[in-house]
Protein backbone atom coordinates (compact mmCIF):
# COMPACT_ATOMS: atom_id res chain seq x y z
CA UNK A 1 0.00 0.00 0.00
CA UNK A 2 1.28 3.43 -0.90
CA UNK A 3 2.17 5.75 1.94
CA UNK A 4 0.17 8.57 0.29
CA UNK A 5 -3.04 6.50 0.51
CA UNK A 6 -2.42 5.66 4.17
CA UNK A 7 -1.63 9.30 4.94
CA UNK A 8 -4.84 10.43 3.25
CA UNK A 9 -6.95 7.92 5.18
CA UNK A 10 -5.35 8.83 8.48
CA UNK A 11 -5.76 12.55 7.74
CA UNK A 12 -9.49 12.07 7.26
CA UNK A 13 -9.70 10.23 10.57
CA UNK A 14 -7.83 13.14 12.20
CA UNK A 15 -11.05 15.13 12.39
CA UNK A 16 -12.94 14.42 15.67
CA UNK A 17 -16.41 14.27 14.06
CA UNK A 18 -15.21 11.91 11.33
CA UNK A 19 -13.41 9.74 13.86
CA UNK A 20 -16.57 9.51 15.98
CA UNK A 21 -18.64 8.55 12.92
CA UNK A 22 -16.07 5.97 11.84
CA UNK A 23 -15.90 4.40 15.31
CA UNK A 24 -19.69 4.26 15.48
CA UNK A 25 -19.77 2.46 12.14
CA UNK A 26 -17.07 0.05 13.32
CA UNK A 27 -19.31 -0.75 16.30
CA UNK A 28 -22.25 -1.34 13.96
CA UNK A 29 -20.29 -4.01 12.09
CA UNK A 30 -21.05 -5.26 8.60
CA UNK A 31 -24.67 -4.09 8.75
CA UNK A 32 -23.64 -0.45 9.04
CA UNK A 33 -26.10 2.30 9.90
CA UNK A 34 -28.48 4.59 8.06
CA UNK A 35 -27.31 8.20 7.92
CA UNK A 36 -30.24 9.23 10.12
CA UNK A 37 -29.12 6.90 12.89
CA UNK A 38 -25.55 8.17 12.67
CA UNK A 39 -26.88 11.71 12.99
CA UNK A 40 -29.01 10.75 16.00
CA UNK A 41 -26.02 9.18 17.76
CA UNK A 42 -23.59 12.00 17.02
CA UNK A 43 -26.10 14.84 17.44
CA UNK A 44 -24.72 16.93 14.57
CA UNK A 45 -26.65 18.68 11.76
CA UNK A 46 -27.33 16.58 8.68
CA UNK A 47 -25.44 18.95 6.38
CA UNK A 48 -22.37 18.72 8.60
CA UNK A 49 -22.64 14.94 8.76
CA UNK A 50 -22.97 14.73 4.97
CA UNK A 51 -19.74 16.71 4.64
CA UNK A 52 -17.89 14.37 7.01
CA UNK A 53 -19.29 11.22 5.40
CA UNK A 54 -18.23 12.48 1.97
CA UNK A 55 -14.65 12.79 3.25
CA UNK A 56 -14.68 9.24 4.62
CA UNK A 57 -16.14 7.87 1.38
CA UNK A 58 -13.57 9.78 -0.68
CA UNK A 59 -10.76 8.32 1.43
CA UNK A 60 -12.13 4.82 0.86
CA UNK A 61 -12.81 4.17 4.54
CA UNK A 62 -16.59 3.79 4.27
CA UNK A 63 -19.11 2.93 1.57
CA UNK A 64 -22.69 4.06 1.06
CA UNK A 65 -25.59 2.17 -0.46
CA UNK A 66 -29.09 3.38 -1.16
CA UNK A 67 -31.90 1.20 0.18
CA UNK A 68 -35.03 2.87 -1.07
CA UNK A 69 -35.12 6.21 0.72
CA UNK A 70 -32.42 5.22 3.21
CA UNK A 71 -28.71 5.85 2.70
CA UNK A 72 -26.72 3.23 4.62
CA UNK A 73 -23.06 3.67 5.55
CA UNK A 74 -20.67 0.82 6.21
CA UNK A 75 -16.99 0.64 7.11
CA UNK A 76 -14.79 -0.79 4.38
CA UNK A 77 -13.10 -3.26 6.70
CA UNK A 78 -10.71 -4.39 3.95
CA UNK A 79 -9.39 -0.84 3.50
CA UNK A 80 -9.21 -0.35 7.25
CA UNK A 81 -7.25 -3.59 7.66
CA UNK A 82 -4.82 -2.43 4.94
CA UNK A 83 -4.10 0.75 6.92
CA UNK A 84 -3.57 -1.22 10.11
CA UNK A 85 -1.30 -3.74 8.36
CA UNK A 86 0.73 -0.87 6.91
CA UNK A 87 1.14 0.70 10.35
CA UNK A 88 2.10 -2.58 12.00
CA UNK A 89 4.31 -3.93 9.20
CA UNK A 90 7.68 -5.06 10.58
CA UNK A 91 6.53 -4.50 14.14
CA UNK A 92 9.26 -5.22 16.66
CA UNK A 93 11.72 -6.33 13.95
CA UNK A 94 14.31 -3.88 15.15
CA UNK A 95 15.83 -0.93 13.37
CA UNK A 96 19.06 -1.20 11.48
CA UNK A 97 21.46 1.44 12.74
CA UNK A 98 22.64 3.94 10.16
CA UNK A 99 26.16 5.30 10.21
CA UNK A 100 26.53 8.37 12.34
CA UNK A 101 27.05 11.68 10.60
CA UNK A 102 29.76 12.37 13.17
CA UNK A 103 32.10 9.80 11.88
PDB file of N, CA and C in Angstrom:
ATOM      1  N   UNK A   1       0.849  -1.176   0.000  1.00  0.00           N
ATOM      2  CA  UNK A   1       0.000   0.000   0.000  1.00  0.00           C
ATOM      3  C   UNK A   1       0.890   1.232   0.000  1.00  0.00           C
ATOM      4  N   UNK A   2       0.499   2.202  -0.788  1.00  0.00           N
ATOM      5  CA  UNK A   2       1.282   3.429  -0.899  1.00  0.00           C
ATOM      6  C   UNK A   2       1.099   4.305   0.334  1.00  0.00           C
ATOM      7  N   UNK A   3       2.191   4.904   0.750  1.00  0.00           N
ATOM      8  CA  UNK A   3       2.170   5.746   1.941  1.00  0.00           C
ATOM      9  C   UNK A   3       1.220   6.932   1.770  1.00  0.00           C
ATOM     10  N   UNK A   4       1.067   7.432   0.534  1.00  0.00           N
ATOM     11  CA  UNK A   4       0.166   8.567   0.287  1.00  0.00           C
ATOM     12  C   UNK A   4      -1.292   8.193   0.580  1.00  0.00           C
ATOM     13  N   UNK A   5      -1.671   6.959   0.243  1.00  0.00           N
ATOM     14  CA  UNK A   5      -3.042   6.499   0.514  1.00  0.00           C
ATOM     15  C   UNK A   5      -3.263   6.386   2.014  1.00  0.00           C
ATOM     16  N   UNK A   6      -2.304   5.791   2.708  1.00  0.00           N
ATOM     17  CA  UNK A   6      -2.420   5.661   4.167  1.00  0.00           C
ATOM     18  C   UNK A   6      -2.490   7.038   4.812  1.00  0.00           C
ATOM     19  N   UNK A   7      -1.636   7.947   4.375  1.00  0.00           N
ATOM     20  CA  UNK A   7      -1.628   9.301   4.943  1.00  0.00           C
ATOM     21  C   UNK A   7      -2.963   9.993   4.723  1.00  0.00           C
ATOM     22  N   UNK A   8      -3.548   9.826   3.545  1.00  0.00           N
ATOM     23  CA  UNK A   8      -4.845  10.432   3.252  1.00  0.00           C
ATOM     24  C   UNK A   8      -5.934   9.864   4.160  1.00  0.00           C
ATOM     25  N   UNK A   9      -5.939   8.554   4.320  1.00  0.00           N
ATOM     26  CA  UNK A   9      -6.954   7.922   5.177  1.00  0.00           C
ATOM     27  C   UNK A   9      -6.794   8.353   6.623  1.00  0.00           C
ATOM     28  N   UNK A  10      -5.566   8.397   7.089  1.00  0.00           N
ATOM     29  CA  UNK A  10      -5.346   8.825   8.476  1.00  0.00           C
ATOM     30  C   UNK A  10      -5.690  10.296   8.662  1.00  0.00           C
ATOM     31  N   UNK A  11      -5.418  11.118   7.652  1.00  0.00           N
ATOM     32  CA  UNK A  11      -5.757  12.545   7.739  1.00  0.00           C
ATOM     33  C   UNK A  11      -7.259  12.727   7.885  1.00  0.00           C
ATOM     34  N   UNK A  12      -8.035  11.954   7.151  1.00  0.00           N
ATOM     35  CA  UNK A  12      -9.495  12.074   7.257  1.00  0.00           C
ATOM     36  C   UNK A  12      -9.981  11.635   8.631  1.00  0.00           C
ATOM     37  N   UNK A  13      -9.320  10.665   9.222  1.00  0.00           N
ATOM     38  CA  UNK A  13      -9.696  10.226  10.570  1.00  0.00           C
ATOM     39  C   UNK A  13      -9.197  11.190  11.638  1.00  0.00           C
ATOM     40  N   UNK A  14      -8.364  12.157  11.254  1.00  0.00           N
ATOM     41  CA  UNK A  14      -7.833  13.138  12.196  1.00  0.00           C
ATOM     42  C   UNK A  14      -8.837  14.183  12.627  1.00  0.00           C
ATOM     43  N   UNK A  15      -9.999  14.205  11.995  1.00  0.00           N
ATOM     44  CA  UNK A  15     -11.053  15.127  12.391  1.00  0.00           C
ATOM     45  C   UNK A  15     -11.927  14.449  13.449  1.00  0.00           C
ATOM     46  N   UNK A  16     -12.175  15.081  14.591  1.00  0.00           N
ATOM     47  CA  UNK A  16     -12.937  14.424  15.665  1.00  0.00           C
ATOM     48  C   UNK A  16     -14.323  13.927  15.244  1.00  0.00           C
ATOM     49  N   UNK A  17     -15.058  14.699  14.466  1.00  0.00           N
ATOM     50  CA  UNK A  17     -16.406  14.271  14.056  1.00  0.00           C
ATOM     51  C   UNK A  17     -16.326  13.052  13.142  1.00  0.00           C
ATOM     52  N   UNK A  18     -15.360  13.063  12.224  1.00  0.00           N
ATOM     53  CA  UNK A  18     -15.206  11.914  11.328  1.00  0.00           C
ATOM     54  C   UNK A  18     -14.752  10.684  12.097  1.00  0.00           C
ATOM     55  N   UNK A  19     -13.871  10.868  13.056  1.00  0.00           N
ATOM     56  CA  UNK A  19     -13.409   9.739  13.862  1.00  0.00           C
ATOM     57  C   UNK A  19     -14.555   9.153  14.679  1.00  0.00           C
ATOM     58  N   UNK A  20     -15.403  10.005  15.233  1.00  0.00           N
ATOM     59  CA  UNK A  20     -16.572   9.509  15.980  1.00  0.00           C
ATOM     60  C   UNK A  20     -17.508   8.727  15.061  1.00  0.00           C
ATOM     61  N   UNK A  21     -17.758   9.244  13.871  1.00  0.00           N
ATOM     62  CA  UNK A  21     -18.640   8.551  12.920  1.00  0.00           C
ATOM     63  C   UNK A  21     -18.035   7.214  12.517  1.00  0.00           C
ATOM     64  N   UNK A  22     -16.744   7.203  12.237  1.00  0.00           N
ATOM     65  CA  UNK A  22     -16.072   5.973  11.842  1.00  0.00           C
ATOM     66  C   UNK A  22     -16.141   4.928  12.955  1.00  0.00           C
ATOM     67  N   UNK A  23     -15.847   5.335  14.166  1.00  0.00           N
ATOM     68  CA  UNK A  23     -15.901   4.396  15.307  1.00  0.00           C
ATOM     69  C   UNK A  23     -17.311   3.857  15.525  1.00  0.00           C
ATOM     70  N   UNK A  24     -18.306   4.703  15.357  1.00  0.00           N
ATOM     71  CA  UNK A  24     -19.692   4.261  15.476  1.00  0.00           C
ATOM     72  C   UNK A  24     -20.004   3.196  14.429  1.00  0.00           C
ATOM     73  N   UNK A  25     -19.537   3.427  13.203  1.00  0.00           N
ATOM     74  CA  UNK A  25     -19.771   2.458  12.143  1.00  0.00           C
ATOM     75  C   UNK A  25     -18.998   1.163  12.372  1.00  0.00           C
ATOM     76  N   UNK A  26     -17.818   1.262  12.956  1.00  0.00           N
ATOM     77  CA  UNK A  26     -17.073   0.045  13.317  1.00  0.00           C
ATOM     78  C   UNK A  26     -17.891  -0.757  14.328  1.00  0.00           C
ATOM     79  N   UNK A  27     -18.473  -0.074  15.300  1.00  0.00           N
ATOM     80  CA  UNK A  27     -19.309  -0.747  16.298  1.00  0.00           C
ATOM     81  C   UNK A  27     -20.515  -1.412  15.655  1.00  0.00           C
ATOM     82  N   UNK A  28     -21.060  -0.790  14.626  1.00  0.00           N
ATOM     83  CA  UNK A  28     -22.254  -1.335  13.956  1.00  0.00           C
ATOM     84  C   UNK A  28     -21.937  -2.601  13.174  1.00  0.00           C
ATOM     85  N   UNK A  29     -20.675  -2.792  12.813  1.00  0.00           N
ATOM     86  CA  UNK A  29     -20.294  -4.006  12.093  1.00  0.00           C
ATOM     87  C   UNK A  29     -20.689  -3.960  10.629  1.00  0.00           C
ATOM     88  N   UNK A  30     -20.780  -5.139  10.028  1.00  0.00           N
ATOM     89  CA  UNK A  30     -21.051  -5.263   8.595  1.00  0.00           C
ATOM     90  C   UNK A  30     -22.386  -4.652   8.171  1.00  0.00           C
ATOM     91  N   UNK A  31     -23.340  -4.622   9.077  1.00  0.00           N
ATOM     92  CA  UNK A  31     -24.669  -4.085   8.754  1.00  0.00           C
ATOM     93  C   UNK A  31     -24.635  -2.576   8.519  1.00  0.00           C
ATOM     94  N   UNK A  32     -23.705  -1.891   9.173  1.00  0.00           N
ATOM     95  CA  UNK A  32     -23.640  -0.447   9.037  1.00  0.00           C
ATOM     96  C   UNK A  32     -24.822   0.242   9.681  1.00  0.00           C
ATOM     97  N   UNK A  33     -25.000   1.515   9.345  1.00  0.00           N
ATOM     98  CA  UNK A  33     -26.098   2.304   9.901  1.00  0.00           C
ATOM     99  C   UNK A  33     -26.632   3.264   8.850  1.00  0.00           C
ATOM    100  N   UNK A  34     -27.936   3.527   8.896  1.00  0.00           N
ATOM    101  CA  UNK A  34     -28.478   4.593   8.058  1.00  0.00           C
ATOM    102  C   UNK A  34     -27.937   5.945   8.527  1.00  0.00           C
ATOM    103  N   UNK A  35     -27.826   6.874   7.604  1.00  0.00           N
ATOM    104  CA  UNK A  35     -27.310   8.204   7.921  1.00  0.00           C
ATOM    105  C   UNK A  35     -28.106   8.836   9.062  1.00  0.00           C
ATOM    106  N   UNK A  36     -29.411   8.661   9.062  1.00  0.00           N
ATOM    107  CA  UNK A  36     -30.239   9.233  10.123  1.00  0.00           C
ATOM    108  C   UNK A  36     -29.875   8.726  11.504  1.00  0.00           C
ATOM    109  N   UNK A  37     -29.522   7.452  11.598  1.00  0.00           N
ATOM    110  CA  UNK A  37     -29.115   6.896  12.895  1.00  0.00           C
ATOM    111  C   UNK A  37     -27.751   7.426  13.315  1.00  0.00           C
ATOM    112  N   UNK A  38     -26.859   7.592  12.351  1.00  0.00           N
ATOM    113  CA  UNK A  38     -25.553   8.173  12.668  1.00  0.00           C
ATOM    114  C   UNK A  38     -25.744   9.580  13.217  1.00  0.00           C
ATOM    115  N   UNK A  39     -26.605  10.336  12.555  1.00  0.00           N
ATOM    116  CA  UNK A  39     -26.882  11.705  12.989  1.00  0.00           C
ATOM    117  C   UNK A  39     -27.473  11.723  14.394  1.00  0.00           C
ATOM    118  N   UNK A  40     -28.391  10.811  14.675  1.00  0.00           N
ATOM    119  CA  UNK A  40     -29.009  10.753  16.001  1.00  0.00           C
ATOM    120  C   UNK A  40     -27.977  10.433  17.084  1.00  0.00           C
ATOM    121  N   UNK A  41     -27.062   9.538  16.790  1.00  0.00           N
ATOM    122  CA  UNK A  41     -26.021   9.179  17.763  1.00  0.00           C
ATOM    123  C   UNK A  41     -25.041  10.318  17.994  1.00  0.00           C
ATOM    124  N   UNK A  42     -24.633  10.975  16.913  1.00  0.00           N
ATOM    125  CA  UNK A  42     -23.594  12.002  17.022  1.00  0.00           C
ATOM    126  C   UNK A  42     -24.134  13.384  17.355  1.00  0.00           C
ATOM    127  N   UNK A  43     -25.446  13.566  17.135  1.00  0.00           N
ATOM    128  CA  UNK A  43     -26.104  14.843  17.439  1.00  0.00           C
ATOM    129  C   UNK A  43     -25.431  16.015  16.712  1.00  0.00           C
ATOM    130  N   UNK A  44     -25.243  15.854  15.394  1.00  0.00           N
ATOM    131  CA  UNK A  44     -24.722  16.934  14.565  1.00  0.00           C
ATOM    132  C   UNK A  44     -25.693  17.172  13.413  1.00  0.00           C
ATOM    133  N   UNK A  45     -25.727  18.376  12.867  1.00  0.00           N
ATOM    134  CA  UNK A  45     -26.651  18.677  11.761  1.00  0.00           C
ATOM    135  C   UNK A  45     -26.401  17.771  10.553  1.00  0.00           C
ATOM    136  N   UNK A  46     -27.448  17.484   9.823  1.00  0.00           N
ATOM    137  CA  UNK A  46     -27.333  16.577   8.680  1.00  0.00           C
ATOM    138  C   UNK A  46     -26.371  17.097   7.617  1.00  0.00           C
ATOM    139  N   UNK A  47     -26.365  18.407   7.388  1.00  0.00           N
ATOM    140  CA  UNK A  47     -25.444  18.952   6.380  1.00  0.00           C
ATOM    141  C   UNK A  47     -23.992  18.770   6.806  1.00  0.00           C
ATOM    142  N   UNK A  48     -23.724  18.921   8.087  1.00  0.00           N
ATOM    143  CA  UNK A  48     -22.370  18.715   8.604  1.00  0.00           C
ATOM    144  C   UNK A  48     -21.986  17.246   8.505  1.00  0.00           C
ATOM    145  N   UNK A  49     -22.915  16.374   8.851  1.00  0.00           N
ATOM    146  CA  UNK A  49     -22.644  14.938   8.763  1.00  0.00           C
ATOM    147  C   UNK A  49     -22.387  14.532   7.321  1.00  0.00           C
ATOM    148  N   UNK A  50     -23.168  15.049   6.391  1.00  0.00           N
ATOM    149  CA  UNK A  50     -22.967  14.732   4.971  1.00  0.00           C
ATOM    150  C   UNK A  50     -21.563  15.101   4.520  1.00  0.00           C
ATOM    151  N   UNK A  51     -21.093  16.253   4.964  1.00  0.00           N
ATOM    152  CA  UNK A  51     -19.742  16.707   4.645  1.00  0.00           C
ATOM    153  C   UNK A  51     -18.699  15.708   5.165  1.00  0.00           C
ATOM    154  N   UNK A  52     -18.849  15.286   6.405  1.00  0.00           N
ATOM    155  CA  UNK A  52     -17.887  14.367   7.006  1.00  0.00           C
ATOM    156  C   UNK A  52     -17.951  12.984   6.351  1.00  0.00           C
ATOM    157  N   UNK A  53     -19.144  12.515   6.062  1.00  0.00           N
ATOM    158  CA  UNK A  53     -19.288  11.218   5.401  1.00  0.00           C
ATOM    159  C   UNK A  53     -18.647  11.254   4.020  1.00  0.00           C
ATOM    160  N   UNK A  54     -18.831  12.356   3.299  1.00  0.00           N
ATOM    161  CA  UNK A  54     -18.226  12.481   1.967  1.00  0.00           C
ATOM    162  C   UNK A  54     -16.706  12.353   2.042  1.00  0.00           C
ATOM    163  N   UNK A  55     -16.098  12.913   3.075  1.00  0.00           N
ATOM    164  CA  UNK A  55     -14.650  12.793   3.253  1.00  0.00           C
ATOM    165  C   UNK A  55     -14.237  11.339   3.494  1.00  0.00           C
ATOM    166  N   UNK A  56     -14.996  10.633   4.325  1.00  0.00           N
ATOM    167  CA  UNK A  56     -14.678   9.237   4.622  1.00  0.00           C
ATOM    168  C   UNK A  56     -14.875   8.344   3.405  1.00  0.00           C
ATOM    169  N   UNK A  57     -15.910   8.626   2.618  1.00  0.00           N
ATOM    170  CA  UNK A  57     -16.144   7.872   1.384  1.00  0.00           C
ATOM    171  C   UNK A  57     -15.010   8.137   0.399  1.00  0.00           C
ATOM    172  N   UNK A  58     -14.645   9.393   0.246  1.00  0.00           N
ATOM    173  CA  UNK A  58     -13.574   9.780  -0.677  1.00  0.00           C
ATOM    174  C   UNK A  58     -12.250   9.109  -0.313  1.00  0.00           C
ATOM    175  N   UNK A  59     -11.993   8.960   0.969  1.00  0.00           N
ATOM    176  CA  UNK A  59     -10.755   8.321   1.429  1.00  0.00           C
ATOM    177  C   UNK A  59     -10.812   6.802   1.301  1.00  0.00           C
ATOM    178  N   UNK A  60     -11.992   6.268   1.014  1.00  0.00           N
ATOM    179  CA  UNK A  60     -12.128   4.822   0.865  1.00  0.00           C
ATOM    180  C   UNK A  60     -12.307   4.079   2.168  1.00  0.00           C
ATOM    181  N   UNK A  61     -12.647   4.805   3.231  1.00  0.00           N
ATOM    182  CA  UNK A  61     -12.815   4.165   4.536  1.00  0.00           C
ATOM    183  C   UNK A  61     -14.223   3.646   4.776  1.00  0.00           C
ATOM    184  N   UNK A  62     -15.215   4.279   4.153  1.00  0.00           N
ATOM    185  CA  UNK A  62     -16.586   3.794   4.271  1.00  0.00           C
ATOM    186  C   UNK A  62     -17.230   3.762   2.890  1.00  0.00           C
ATOM    187  N   UNK A  63     -18.312   2.996   2.800  1.00  0.00           N
ATOM    188  CA  UNK A  63     -19.108   2.931   1.572  1.00  0.00           C
ATOM    189  C   UNK A  63     -20.531   3.326   1.917  1.00  0.00           C
ATOM    190  N   UNK A  64     -21.275   3.722   0.887  1.00  0.00           N
ATOM    191  CA  UNK A  64     -22.688   4.059   1.060  1.00  0.00           C
ATOM    192  C   UNK A  64     -23.502   3.286   0.036  1.00  0.00           C
ATOM    193  N   UNK A  65     -24.650   2.809   0.462  1.00  0.00           N
ATOM    194  CA  UNK A  65     -25.593   2.173  -0.456  1.00  0.00           C
ATOM    195  C   UNK A  65     -26.971   2.744  -0.198  1.00  0.00           C
ATOM    196  N   UNK A  66     -27.727   2.883  -1.272  1.00  0.00           N
ATOM    197  CA  UNK A  66     -29.094   3.379  -1.156  1.00  0.00           C
ATOM    198  C   UNK A  66     -30.025   2.186  -1.044  1.00  0.00           C
ATOM    199  N   UNK A  67     -30.882   2.239  -0.043  1.00  0.00           N
ATOM    200  CA  UNK A  67     -31.900   1.205   0.182  1.00  0.00           C
ATOM    201  C   UNK A  67     -33.248   1.903   0.204  1.00  0.00           C
ATOM    202  N   UNK A  68     -33.801   2.092  -0.974  1.00  0.00           N
ATOM    203  CA  UNK A  68     -35.032   2.873  -1.074  1.00  0.00           C
ATOM    204  C   UNK A  68     -34.731   4.320  -0.750  1.00  0.00           C
ATOM    205  N   UNK A  69     -35.346   4.825   0.315  1.00  0.00           N
ATOM    206  CA  UNK A  69     -35.118   6.215   0.718  1.00  0.00           C
ATOM    207  C   UNK A  69     -34.003   6.353   1.747  1.00  0.00           C
ATOM    208  N   UNK A  70     -33.434   5.225   2.160  1.00  0.00           N
ATOM    209  CA  UNK A  70     -32.416   5.222   3.208  1.00  0.00           C
ATOM    210  C   UNK A  70     -31.023   5.113   2.595  1.00  0.00           C
ATOM    211  N   UNK A  71     -30.113   5.916   3.102  1.00  0.00           N
ATOM    212  CA  UNK A  71     -28.712   5.847   2.696  1.00  0.00           C
ATOM    213  C   UNK A  71     -27.953   5.195   3.846  1.00  0.00           C
ATOM    214  N   UNK A  72     -27.406   3.998   3.579  1.00  0.00           N
ATOM    215  CA  UNK A  72     -26.724   3.227   4.622  1.00  0.00           C
ATOM    216  C   UNK A  72     -25.210   3.339   4.443  1.00  0.00           C
ATOM    217  N   UNK A  73     -24.526   3.565   5.556  1.00  0.00           N
ATOM    218  CA  UNK A  73     -23.064   3.668   5.553  1.00  0.00           C
ATOM    219  C   UNK A  73     -22.476   2.439   6.234  1.00  0.00           C
ATOM    220  N   UNK A  74     -21.375   1.965   5.656  1.00  0.00           N
ATOM    221  CA  UNK A  74     -20.665   0.815   6.213  1.00  0.00           C
ATOM    222  C   UNK A  74     -19.162   1.079   6.156  1.00  0.00           C
ATOM    223  N   UNK A  75     -18.455   0.569   7.134  1.00  0.00           N
ATOM    224  CA  UNK A  75     -16.995   0.638   7.111  1.00  0.00           C
ATOM    225  C   UNK A  75     -16.498  -0.322   6.040  1.00  0.00           C
ATOM    226  N   UNK A  76     -15.490   0.110   5.291  1.00  0.00           N
ATOM    227  CA  UNK A  76     -14.793  -0.787   4.382  1.00  0.00           C
ATOM    228  C   UNK A  76     -13.704  -1.444   5.224  1.00  0.00           C
ATOM    229  N   UNK A  77     -14.024  -2.594   5.782  1.00  0.00           N
ATOM    230  CA  UNK A  77     -13.099  -3.256   6.695  1.00  0.00           C
ATOM    231  C   UNK A  77     -11.825  -3.718   5.993  1.00  0.00           C
ATOM    232  N   UNK A  78     -11.899  -4.011   4.709  1.00  0.00           N
ATOM    233  CA  UNK A  78     -10.708  -4.386   3.951  1.00  0.00           C
ATOM    234  C   UNK A  78      -9.725  -3.219   3.907  1.00  0.00           C
ATOM    235  N   UNK A  79     -10.239  -2.030   3.562  1.00  0.00           N
ATOM    236  CA  UNK A  79      -9.389  -0.839   3.495  1.00  0.00           C
ATOM    237  C   UNK A  79      -8.833  -0.486   4.870  1.00  0.00           C
ATOM    238  N   UNK A  80      -9.641  -0.637   5.889  1.00  0.00           N
ATOM    239  CA  UNK A  80      -9.207  -0.352   7.249  1.00  0.00           C
ATOM    240  C   UNK A  80      -8.104  -1.317   7.669  1.00  0.00           C
ATOM    241  N   UNK A  81      -8.267  -2.583   7.338  1.00  0.00           N
ATOM    242  CA  UNK A  81      -7.246  -3.588   7.664  1.00  0.00           C
ATOM    243  C   UNK A  81      -5.937  -3.289   6.933  1.00  0.00           C
ATOM    244  N   UNK A  82      -6.032  -2.786   5.695  1.00  0.00           N
ATOM    245  CA  UNK A  82      -4.823  -2.432   4.944  1.00  0.00           C
ATOM    246  C   UNK A  82      -4.037  -1.332   5.671  1.00  0.00           C
ATOM    247  N   UNK A  83      -4.755  -0.339   6.185  1.00  0.00           N
ATOM    248  CA  UNK A  83      -4.097   0.746   6.918  1.00  0.00           C
ATOM    249  C   UNK A  83      -3.425   0.191   8.169  1.00  0.00           C
ATOM    250  N   UNK A  84      -4.134  -0.655   8.889  1.00  0.00           N
ATOM    251  CA  UNK A  84      -3.569  -1.221  10.113  1.00  0.00           C
ATOM    252  C   UNK A  84      -2.363  -2.103   9.814  1.00  0.00           C
ATOM    253  N   UNK A  85      -2.445  -2.906   8.745  1.00  0.00           N
ATOM    254  CA  UNK A  85      -1.301  -3.737   8.361  1.00  0.00           C
ATOM    255  C   UNK A  85      -0.099  -2.867   8.004  1.00  0.00           C
ATOM    256  N   UNK A  86      -0.353  -1.789   7.277  1.00  0.00           N
ATOM    257  CA  UNK A  86       0.732  -0.875   6.913  1.00  0.00           C
ATOM    258  C   UNK A  86       1.402  -0.315   8.162  1.00  0.00           C
ATOM    259  N   UNK A  87       0.596   0.116   9.133  1.00  0.00           N
ATOM    260  CA  UNK A  87       1.142   0.699  10.352  1.00  0.00           C
ATOM    261  C   UNK A  87       1.923  -0.316  11.183  1.00  0.00           C
ATOM    262  N   UNK A  88       1.488  -1.566  11.163  1.00  0.00           N
ATOM    263  CA  UNK A  88       2.099  -2.585  12.002  1.00  0.00           C
ATOM    264  C   UNK A  88       3.145  -3.419  11.266  1.00  0.00           C
ATOM    265  N   UNK A  89       3.348  -3.164   9.987  1.00  0.00           N
ATOM    266  CA  UNK A  89       4.314  -3.925   9.204  1.00  0.00           C
ATOM    267  C   UNK A  89       5.696  -3.833   9.857  1.00  0.00           C
ATOM    268  N   UNK A  90       6.346  -4.957   9.979  1.00  0.00           N
ATOM    269  CA  UNK A  90       7.684  -5.059  10.581  1.00  0.00           C
ATOM    270  C   UNK A  90       7.720  -4.696  12.062  1.00  0.00           C
ATOM    271  N   UNK A  91       6.585  -4.812  12.711  1.00  0.00           N
ATOM    272  CA  UNK A  91       6.526  -4.496  14.142  1.00  0.00           C
ATOM    273  C   UNK A  91       7.576  -5.305  14.906  1.00  0.00           C
ATOM    274  N   UNK A  92       8.306  -4.618  15.722  1.00  0.00           N
ATOM    275  CA  UNK A  92       9.258  -5.216  16.665  1.00  0.00           C
ATOM    276  C   UNK A  92      10.393  -5.958  15.958  1.00  0.00           C
ATOM    277  N   UNK A  93      10.657  -5.663  14.700  1.00  0.00           N
ATOM    278  CA  UNK A  93      11.723  -6.332  13.951  1.00  0.00           C
ATOM    279  C   UNK A  93      13.071  -5.692  14.211  1.00  0.00           C
ATOM    280  N   UNK A  94      13.068  -4.586  14.899  1.00  0.00           N
ATOM    281  CA  UNK A  94      14.307  -3.878  15.155  1.00  0.00           C
ATOM    282  C   UNK A  94      14.619  -2.910  14.043  1.00  0.00           C
ATOM    283  N   UNK A  95      15.448  -1.960  14.338  1.00  0.00           N
ATOM    284  CA  UNK A  95      15.828  -0.932  13.374  1.00  0.00           C
ATOM    285  C   UNK A  95      17.322  -1.084  13.113  1.00  0.00           C
ATOM    286  N   UNK A  96      17.650  -1.104  11.847  1.00  0.00           N
ATOM    287  CA  UNK A  96      19.060  -1.198  11.483  1.00  0.00           C
ATOM    288  C   UNK A  96      19.696   0.171  11.713  1.00  0.00           C
ATOM    289  N   UNK A  97      20.779   0.176  12.447  1.00  0.00           N
ATOM    290  CA  UNK A  97      21.456   1.442  12.739  1.00  0.00           C
ATOM    291  C   UNK A  97      22.095   1.983  11.471  1.00  0.00           C
ATOM    292  N   UNK A  98      21.977   3.277  11.292  1.00  0.00           N
ATOM    293  CA  UNK A  98      22.638   3.938  10.160  1.00  0.00           C
ATOM    294  C   UNK A  98      23.928   4.554  10.659  1.00  0.00           C
ATOM    295  N   UNK A  99      24.907   4.684   9.781  1.00  0.00           N
ATOM    296  CA  UNK A  99      26.164   5.297  10.211  1.00  0.00           C
ATOM    297  C   UNK A  99      25.942   6.715  10.729  1.00  0.00           C
ATOM    298  N   UNK A 100      26.639   7.052  11.736  1.00  0.00           N
ATOM    299  CA  UNK A 100      26.531   8.371  12.336  1.00  0.00           C
ATOM    300  C   UNK A 100      27.138   9.420  11.417  1.00  0.00           C
ATOM    301  N   UNK A 101      26.531  10.579  11.398  1.00  0.00           N
ATOM    302  CA  UNK A 101      27.052  11.682  10.604  1.00  0.00           C
ATOM    303  C   UNK A 101      28.351  12.225  11.210  1.00  0.00           C
ATOM    304  N   UNK A 102      28.586  11.867  12.477  1.00  0.00           N
ATOM    305  CA  UNK A 102      29.761  12.373  13.174  1.00  0.00           C
ATOM    306  C   UNK A 102      31.028  11.571  12.837  1.00  0.00           C
ATOM    307  N   UNK A 103      30.872  10.443  12.225  1.00  0.00           N
ATOM    308  CA  UNK A 103      32.100   9.797  11.883  1.00  0.00           C
ATOM    309  C   UNK A 103      32.097   8.364  12.036  1.00  0.00           C
TER     310      UNK A 103
END
